[in-house]
Amino acid sequence: MVRMERKQKDQILRDLKRKMVFITGPRQVGKTWLAKDISQSFSNSLYLTYDRSEDRKIMEAEAWLGDIDLLVLDELHKMPQWKNYLKGIYDTKPEKLSILVTGSARLETFRQSGDSLAGRFFRHRLMPFTPSEVSHLLITNDLDRFMTRGGFPEPFLMDETQDADRWRLQYIDGLIRDDILDFEKIHDFKAIQLVFDLLRKRVGSPISFTSIARDVGISPNTVKKYIQVFESLFIIFRIAPYSRNIARSILKEPKIYFYDTGLVDTDAGIKYENMVAVSLLKYVYGMEDYEGKSCQLHYLRTKDGKEVNFCVAQNDIPQFMIETKYSDRSLSKSIIQFHQKYQIPGIQLLRFLKREKREQNIEVRQASKYLSCLEY
């Protein structure tokens, strides 16, 4: 298996000199591995996880030695009143002590409630590998690897595809049986499994809670609750249609994509679209986490059904739009019309393309080349 450093490492090291750092992200995306890799840049680091009873005692008693220069606290959100605990440690720590906090998606959810830690930390959302992050590896020349294995480090870097498939089976089982049931008291295990399986087949299509509810035999509100749980655990992310009126945008049907493209259970064209969605979301998160710019990922759709897959907005102003094409090389009529009417810069991103060009003021780009240059 190939070993590689995560792209965010240097930025996290810089941020640790000024504030605490929170690393959040999906299960098994590499948060703990990254934290331990960062630890090697310090002379005397200490890694503690709340899941281990011996470490838990040290954490609760604050019984680490005074010469520690990096304190890594993993799964801290499982501690009662963890935010007040962390606030106390940070406000009284020696100047040389850096603090790195990692954990599951619960950390991100709990971080959003309350402001007791306001101004004391930088957030880093760790995402799966995308072509830009691993562009220096020879194995990334073909996007098929991202489409079949997804971008999670372990399956992506494995030598054998069958080993990656075995990893994913265990990953799905862990998501359903451990993370989801631990995060929320779900009484109907079969129903949430069915919703999960349906979503895997409906990637890239507007999601109707009512339609899924009818297929599974539960209420639309229950479907909505399950989807919110999947979102909170970084299993899926939703993209709302762009609207200058934010409230109207939220009310319209969203599209659902998976952080792990390998979970998408449909044709190659949709897997390709999901892979592009993950790359764009990572770009949006990077603009927010590292440049402090308010960015959003949407899709475009008119009342008469004309649609463009993605639109990246900054401060709710469209910056560019992207239409994905897996095998069809004809220029999308929808992207032409959106460009002509709203003057939004447009890119048609083709999986297979010999020569890039500009046609009717729309950039026609090769996916592997474009995504490899997309920062973050």
Protein backbone atom coordinates (compact mmCIF):
# COMPACT_ATOMS: atom_id res chain seq x y z
CA MET A 1 0.00 0.00 0.00
CA VAL A 2 1.26 3.49 -0.91
CA ARG A 3 1.77 5.94 1.99
CA MET A 4 1.27 9.68 1.59
CA GLU A 5 0.92 12.85 3.62
CA ARG A 6 -2.36 14.73 3.71
CA LYS A 7 -2.37 18.09 1.99
CA GLN A 8 -3.75 19.91 5.04
CA LYS A 9 -0.86 18.97 7.31
CA ASP A 10 1.22 22.14 6.84
CA GLN A 11 -1.77 24.45 7.35
CA ILE A 12 -2.75 22.61 10.53
CA LEU A 13 0.80 22.95 11.86
CA ARG A 14 0.65 26.71 11.23
CA ASP A 15 -2.75 27.01 12.91
CA LEU A 16 -1.61 25.06 15.98
CA LYS A 17 0.82 27.87 16.76
CA ARG A 18 -2.08 30.29 17.20
CA LYS A 19 -5.15 28.39 18.44
CA MET A 20 -6.59 24.96 19.06
CA VAL A 21 -7.35 22.93 15.95
CA PHE A 22 -10.44 20.75 15.44
CA ILE A 23 -10.24 18.03 12.79
CA THR A 24 -13.65 16.72 11.78
CA GLY A 25 -14.81 14.53 8.92
CA PRO A 26 -16.23 11.17 7.92
CA ARG A 27 -15.52 7.90 9.67
CA GLN A 28 -12.16 6.38 8.58
CA VAL A 29 -11.20 9.36 6.43
CA GLY A 30 -7.85 9.52 8.24
CA LYS A 31 -8.34 11.94 11.16
CA THR A 32 -6.46 9.87 13.75
CA TRP A 33 -3.72 8.97 11.27
CA LEU A 34 -3.23 12.65 10.41
CA ALA A 35 -3.15 13.65 14.08
CA LYS A 36 -0.42 11.08 14.81
CA ASP A 37 1.51 12.17 11.71
CA ILE A 38 1.36 15.79 12.91
CA SER A 39 2.60 14.65 16.31
CA GLN A 40 5.91 13.68 14.75
CA SER A 41 6.62 17.39 14.15
CA PHE A 42 6.68 17.98 17.92
CA SER A 43 9.40 16.95 20.36
CA ASN A 44 7.09 15.68 23.11
CA SER A 45 3.52 14.97 22.04
CA LEU A 46 0.82 13.02 23.85
CA TYR A 47 -2.10 11.23 22.20
CA LEU A 48 -5.14 10.45 24.36
CA THR A 49 -8.45 8.95 23.28
CA TYR A 50 -11.59 9.01 25.38
CA ASP A 51 -12.40 5.50 24.15
CA ARG A 52 -9.53 4.03 26.21
CA SER A 53 -10.11 3.81 29.96
CA GLU A 54 -6.48 4.57 30.91
CA ASP A 55 -6.44 7.64 28.66
CA ARG A 56 -9.83 8.73 29.97
CA LYS A 57 -8.51 8.86 33.53
CA ILE A 58 -5.57 11.00 32.43
CA MET A 59 -7.88 13.34 30.53
CA GLU A 60 -10.32 13.74 33.40
CA ALA A 61 -7.53 14.41 35.90
CA GLU A 62 -5.50 16.55 33.44
CA ALA A 63 -2.62 14.40 34.56
CA TRP A 64 -0.15 14.93 31.72
CA LEU A 65 3.40 16.12 32.32
CA GLY A 66 4.30 19.79 32.05
CA ASP A 67 6.80 19.32 29.22
CA ILE A 68 4.17 18.18 26.71
CA ASP A 69 4.20 20.47 23.65
CA LEU A 70 1.31 18.86 21.70
CA LEU A 71 -1.80 17.40 23.30
CA VAL A 72 -4.00 15.33 20.95
CA LEU A 73 -7.47 14.62 22.30
CA ASP A 74 -9.43 12.05 20.30
CA GLU A 75 -13.17 11.33 20.72
CA LEU A 76 -13.31 14.06 23.37
CA HIS A 77 -16.93 14.87 22.50
CA LYS A 78 -17.94 11.70 24.38
CA MET A 79 -16.93 13.36 27.65
CA PRO A 80 -19.80 15.09 29.53
CA GLN A 81 -19.44 18.89 29.39
CA TRP A 82 -16.48 18.50 27.03
CA LYS A 83 -16.62 22.07 25.75
CA ASN A 84 -16.29 23.59 29.22
CA TYR A 85 -13.49 21.10 29.95
CA LEU A 86 -11.65 22.11 26.79
CA LYS A 87 -12.21 25.81 27.42
CA GLY A 88 -10.64 25.44 30.84
CA ILE A 89 -7.61 23.59 29.49
CA TYR A 90 -7.05 26.10 26.71
CA ASP A 91 -7.45 29.19 28.90
CA THR A 92 -4.95 27.91 31.50
CA LYS A 93 -2.44 26.05 29.32
CA PRO A 94 1.28 26.87 29.14
CA GLU A 95 2.16 29.03 26.16
CA LYS A 96 4.17 26.28 24.47
CA LEU A 97 1.32 23.73 24.57
CA SER A 98 -0.58 23.16 21.32
CA ILE A 99 -3.94 21.36 21.38
CA LEU A 100 -5.35 19.22 18.57
CA VAL A 101 -8.87 17.80 18.90
CA THR A 102 -10.16 15.07 16.59
CA GLY A 103 -13.30 13.00 16.51
CA SER A 104 -16.30 11.71 14.66
CA ALA A 105 -19.00 13.81 13.09
CA ARG A 106 -20.51 14.32 16.55
CA LEU A 107 -17.68 16.75 17.22
CA GLU A 108 -18.79 18.89 14.27
CA THR A 109 -22.45 18.70 15.35
CA PHE A 110 -21.75 19.62 18.97
CA ARG A 111 -19.29 22.32 17.90
CA GLN A 112 -22.12 24.11 16.13
CA SER A 113 -24.18 24.44 19.33
CA GLY A 114 -23.17 27.12 21.78
CA ASP A 115 -20.26 29.54 21.67
CA SER A 116 -18.19 28.63 24.76
CA LEU A 117 -15.20 27.90 22.47
CA ALA A 118 -15.70 30.89 20.16
CA GLY A 119 -12.43 32.44 19.04
CA ARG A 120 -10.33 29.64 20.48
CA PHE A 121 -10.00 27.22 17.58
CA PHE A 122 -9.57 26.73 13.85
CA ARG A 123 -11.66 24.09 12.11
CA HIS A 124 -10.31 21.68 9.52
CA ARG A 125 -12.76 19.42 7.71
CA LEU A 126 -10.82 16.42 6.48
CA MET A 127 -12.23 15.11 3.21
CA PRO A 128 -11.53 12.01 1.13
CA PHE A 129 -8.76 12.07 -1.44
CA THR A 130 -9.58 13.94 -4.65
CA PRO A 131 -7.53 14.11 -7.87
CA SER A 132 -5.89 17.40 -6.86
CA GLU A 133 -4.58 16.01 -3.57
CA VAL A 134 -3.04 12.89 -5.08
CA SER A 135 -2.07 14.24 -8.51
CA HIS A 136 1.58 13.34 -7.87
CA LEU A 137 0.79 9.62 -7.58
CA LEU A 138 0.96 7.56 -10.77
CA ILE A 139 -2.13 5.57 -9.77
CA THR A 140 -4.34 8.64 -10.22
CA ASN A 141 -3.95 8.94 -13.98
CA ASP A 142 -7.25 7.09 -14.43
CA LEU A 143 -10.35 8.47 -12.67
CA ASP A 144 -11.83 4.98 -12.63
CA ARG A 145 -9.99 4.39 -9.36
CA PHE A 146 -11.93 7.23 -7.70
CA MET A 147 -15.19 6.05 -9.21
CA THR A 148 -14.87 2.44 -8.05
CA ARG A 149 -12.91 2.81 -4.81
CA GLY A 150 -13.89 6.29 -3.68
CA GLY A 151 -11.37 8.62 -2.07
CA PHE A 152 -11.11 7.20 1.44
CA PRO A 153 -7.40 6.53 2.04
CA GLU A 154 -7.43 2.83 2.94
CA PRO A 155 -9.45 1.41 0.00
CA PHE A 156 -8.01 3.96 -2.43
CA LEU A 157 -4.40 3.02 -1.68
CA MET A 158 -4.88 -0.75 -1.44
CA ASP A 159 -3.07 -2.85 -4.03
CA GLU A 160 -6.00 -5.17 -4.76
CA THR A 161 -9.53 -4.11 -5.73
CA GLN A 162 -11.04 -7.08 -3.88
CA ASP A 163 -9.44 -5.86 -0.65
CA ALA A 164 -11.03 -2.45 -1.21
CA ASP A 165 -14.40 -4.16 -1.74
CA ARG A 166 -13.99 -6.10 1.52
CA TRP A 167 -13.14 -2.86 3.32
CA ARG A 168 -16.33 -1.22 2.04
CA LEU A 169 -18.57 -4.06 3.22
CA GLN A 170 -17.15 -3.69 6.72
CA TYR A 171 -17.40 0.08 6.46
CA ILE A 172 -21.11 -0.03 5.60
CA ASP A 173 -21.78 -2.44 8.45
CA GLY A 174 -19.93 -0.16 10.86
CA LEU A 175 -21.82 2.92 9.66
CA ILE A 176 -25.24 1.34 10.18
CA ARG A 177 -24.65 -0.75 13.29
CA ASP A 178 -22.25 1.49 15.19
CA ASP A 179 -22.22 5.13 14.11
CA ILE A 180 -25.88 5.60 13.19
CA LEU A 181 -27.39 3.64 16.06
CA ASP A 182 -24.99 5.32 18.50
CA PHE A 183 -25.68 8.81 17.16
CA GLU A 184 -29.45 8.60 17.24
CA LYS A 185 -31.90 6.25 18.95
CA ILE A 186 -33.23 4.47 15.88
CA HIS A 187 -35.86 1.86 16.64
CA ASP A 188 -36.52 0.60 13.12
CA PHE A 189 -33.16 -0.75 11.97
CA LYS A 190 -34.61 -2.27 8.79
CA ALA A 191 -36.21 1.01 7.70
CA ILE A 192 -33.05 3.08 8.03
CA GLN A 193 -31.14 0.39 6.14
CA LEU A 194 -33.72 0.58 3.32
CA VAL A 195 -33.49 4.39 3.17
CA PHE A 196 -29.69 4.10 3.02
CA ASP A 197 -29.89 1.58 0.17
CA LEU A 198 -32.42 3.71 -1.75
CA LEU A 199 -30.21 6.79 -1.49
CA ARG A 200 -27.31 4.83 -2.96
CA LYS A 201 -29.42 4.32 -6.08
CA ARG A 202 -30.80 7.89 -6.32
CA VAL A 203 -27.58 9.89 -6.29
CA GLY A 204 -27.72 13.05 -8.38
CA SER A 205 -31.54 13.15 -8.59
CA PRO A 206 -33.79 15.53 -6.64
CA ILE A 207 -34.81 13.72 -3.47
CA SER A 208 -38.47 13.49 -2.51
CA PHE A 209 -39.03 12.57 1.14
CA THR A 210 -42.58 11.58 0.25
CA SER A 211 -41.48 9.21 -2.52
CA ILE A 212 -38.90 7.47 -0.31
CA ALA A 213 -41.41 7.27 2.54
CA ARG A 214 -43.89 5.54 0.26
CA ASP A 215 -41.25 3.04 -0.94
CA VAL A 216 -40.09 2.19 2.59
CA GLY A 217 -43.46 2.38 4.34
CA ILE A 218 -42.62 5.11 6.85
CA SER A 219 -43.57 8.77 7.25
CA PRO A 220 -41.87 11.59 5.27
CA ASN A 221 -40.76 13.16 8.56
CA THR A 222 -39.00 9.92 9.50
CA VAL A 223 -37.22 9.88 6.13
CA LYS A 224 -36.16 13.49 6.70
CA LYS A 225 -34.85 12.57 10.16
CA TYR A 226 -32.83 9.64 8.77
CA ILE A 227 -31.32 11.79 6.02
CA GLN A 228 -30.34 14.41 8.61
CA VAL A 229 -28.59 11.67 10.60
CA PHE A 230 -26.71 10.55 7.47
CA GLU A 231 -25.67 14.16 6.88
CA SER A 232 -24.55 14.71 10.46
CA LEU A 233 -22.34 11.63 10.25
CA PHE A 234 -20.67 12.78 7.01
CA ILE A 235 -22.15 9.86 5.06
CA ILE A 236 -24.02 12.03 2.56
CA PHE A 237 -24.21 15.71 1.72
CA ARG A 238 -27.08 17.54 0.10
CA ILE A 239 -26.93 20.20 -2.60
CA ALA A 240 -29.83 22.63 -2.84
CA PRO A 241 -30.84 24.42 -6.04
CA TYR A 242 -29.40 27.91 -6.26
CA SER A 243 -31.70 30.80 -5.45
CA ARG A 244 -30.95 34.34 -4.40
CA ASN A 245 -33.67 33.78 -1.84
CA ILE A 246 -32.00 31.31 0.56
CA ALA A 247 -35.29 30.25 2.16
CA ARG A 248 -36.76 29.34 -1.21
CA SER A 249 -33.64 27.37 -2.07
CA ILE A 250 -33.90 25.26 1.10
CA LEU A 251 -37.55 24.43 0.43
CA LYS A 252 -36.84 23.03 -3.03
CA GLU A 253 -35.87 19.38 -3.46
CA PRO A 254 -32.16 18.82 -2.78
CA LYS A 255 -29.84 16.37 -4.46
CA ILE A 256 -27.93 13.83 -2.42
CA TYR A 257 -24.32 12.75 -2.92
CA PHE A 258 -22.04 10.43 -0.91
CA TYR A 259 -18.68 11.38 0.58
CA ASP A 260 -17.57 7.88 -0.44
CA THR A 261 -18.12 7.55 -4.18
CA GLY A 262 -17.61 3.81 -3.78
CA LEU A 263 -20.98 3.65 -2.02
CA VAL A 264 -22.86 4.89 -5.10
CA ASP A 265 -24.88 1.95 -6.44
CA THR A 266 -25.73 2.99 -9.98
CA ASP A 267 -24.12 3.49 -13.40
CA ALA A 268 -20.69 4.89 -14.24
CA GLY A 269 -22.08 8.28 -15.28
CA ILE A 270 -23.58 8.89 -11.83
CA LYS A 271 -20.45 7.62 -10.06
CA TYR A 272 -18.51 10.15 -12.16
CA GLU A 273 -20.94 12.92 -11.18
CA ASN A 274 -20.60 11.99 -7.49
CA MET A 275 -16.81 12.07 -7.74
CA VAL A 276 -16.98 15.59 -9.20
CA ALA A 277 -19.41 16.64 -6.44
CA VAL A 278 -16.94 15.48 -3.75
CA SER A 279 -14.10 17.41 -5.43
CA LEU A 280 -16.20 20.58 -5.60
CA LEU A 281 -17.36 20.24 -1.99
CA LYS A 282 -13.74 19.86 -0.90
CA TYR A 283 -12.93 23.04 -2.84
CA VAL A 284 -15.81 24.88 -1.13
CA TYR A 285 -14.72 23.67 2.32
CA GLY A 286 -11.15 24.72 1.55
CA MET A 287 -12.24 28.23 0.59
CA GLU A 288 -14.10 28.53 3.90
CA ASP A 289 -11.61 26.81 6.23
CA TYR A 290 -8.39 28.28 4.80
CA GLU A 291 -9.33 31.53 3.07
CA GLY A 292 -12.26 32.60 5.23
CA LYS A 293 -14.58 33.03 2.25
CA SER A 294 -18.25 32.15 2.43
CA CYS A 295 -18.78 29.54 -0.30
CA GLN A 296 -21.70 27.31 -1.23
CA LEU A 297 -22.23 24.42 -3.62
CA HIS A 298 -25.57 24.33 -5.46
CA TYR A 299 -27.12 23.03 -8.63
CA LEU A 300 -29.12 25.09 -11.13
CA ARG A 301 -32.66 24.32 -12.23
CA THR A 302 -35.43 26.34 -13.87
CA LYS A 303 -39.17 25.79 -13.48
CA ASP A 304 -39.32 24.24 -16.93
CA GLY A 305 -36.70 21.62 -16.00
CA LYS A 306 -33.48 23.01 -17.51
CA GLU A 307 -30.64 22.00 -15.24
CA VAL A 308 -26.88 22.28 -14.70
CA ASN A 309 -25.22 19.83 -12.29
CA PHE A 310 -23.23 22.22 -10.11
CA CYS A 311 -22.81 25.90 -9.31
CA VAL A 312 -20.21 27.26 -6.90
CA ALA A 313 -21.29 30.52 -5.26
CA GLN A 314 -19.40 32.94 -3.06
CA ASN A 315 -21.44 35.15 -0.75
CA ASP A 316 -24.43 33.74 -2.64
CA ILE A 317 -23.14 35.07 -5.97
CA PRO A 318 -22.45 32.40 -8.63
CA GLN A 319 -18.75 32.14 -9.50
CA PHE A 320 -18.89 29.29 -12.03
CA MET A 321 -21.09 26.37 -13.05
CA ILE A 322 -20.17 22.86 -14.14
CA GLU A 323 -22.06 20.34 -16.25
CA THR A 324 -20.64 16.79 -16.12
CA LYS A 325 -20.68 14.56 -19.17
CA TYR A 326 -19.47 10.97 -19.01
CA SER A 327 -19.79 9.87 -22.64
CA ASP A 328 -21.98 12.43 -24.46
CA ARG A 329 -19.71 15.06 -26.04
CA SER A 330 -22.43 17.40 -27.30
CA LEU A 331 -22.56 20.79 -25.60
CA SER A 332 -25.33 21.04 -23.01
CA LYS A 333 -28.14 23.37 -24.10
CA SER A 334 -28.90 24.16 -20.45
CA ILE A 335 -25.42 25.44 -19.65
CA ILE A 336 -25.50 27.63 -22.78
CA GLN A 337 -28.85 29.12 -21.77
CA PHE A 338 -27.80 29.75 -18.15
CA HIS A 339 -24.63 31.45 -19.38
CA GLN A 340 -26.46 33.62 -21.90
CA LYS A 341 -29.16 34.67 -19.43
CA TYR A 342 -27.14 35.09 -16.21
CA GLN A 343 -23.55 35.44 -17.50
CA ILE A 344 -22.30 32.70 -15.17
CA PRO A 345 -18.94 31.30 -16.37
CA GLY A 346 -19.56 27.75 -17.56
CA ILE A 347 -17.49 24.59 -17.75
CA GLN A 348 -18.56 21.36 -19.39
CA LEU A 349 -16.48 18.62 -17.78
CA LEU A 350 -16.00 15.53 -19.91
CA ARG A 351 -14.75 12.19 -18.65
CA PHE A 352 -13.23 11.44 -22.05
CA LEU A 353 -11.84 14.28 -24.18
CA LYS A 354 -8.80 14.50 -26.45
CA ARG A 355 -8.60 18.26 -26.88
CA GLU A 356 -9.91 21.00 -24.62
CA LYS A 357 -11.60 23.99 -26.22
CA ARG A 358 -14.02 26.88 -25.79
CA GLU A 359 -17.36 26.63 -27.53
CA GLN A 360 -20.10 29.31 -27.37
CA ASN A 361 -18.20 30.87 -24.44
CA ILE A 362 -18.31 27.59 -22.49
CA GLU A 363 -15.04 25.91 -21.50
CA VAL A 364 -14.97 22.25 -22.55
CA ARG A 365 -12.51 20.59 -20.18
CA GLN A 366 -11.08 17.13 -19.58
CA ALA A 367 -12.16 15.93 -16.13
CA SER A 368 -8.87 14.39 -14.96
CA LYS A 369 -6.89 17.50 -15.96
CA TYR A 370 -9.36 19.98 -14.49
CA LEU A 371 -9.90 18.14 -11.19
CA SER A 372 -6.17 17.62 -10.71
CA CYS A 373 -5.74 21.40 -10.74
CA LEU A 374 -8.73 22.17 -8.49
CA GLU A 375 -7.22 23.42 -5.22
CA TYR A 376 -7.99 21.83 -1.86
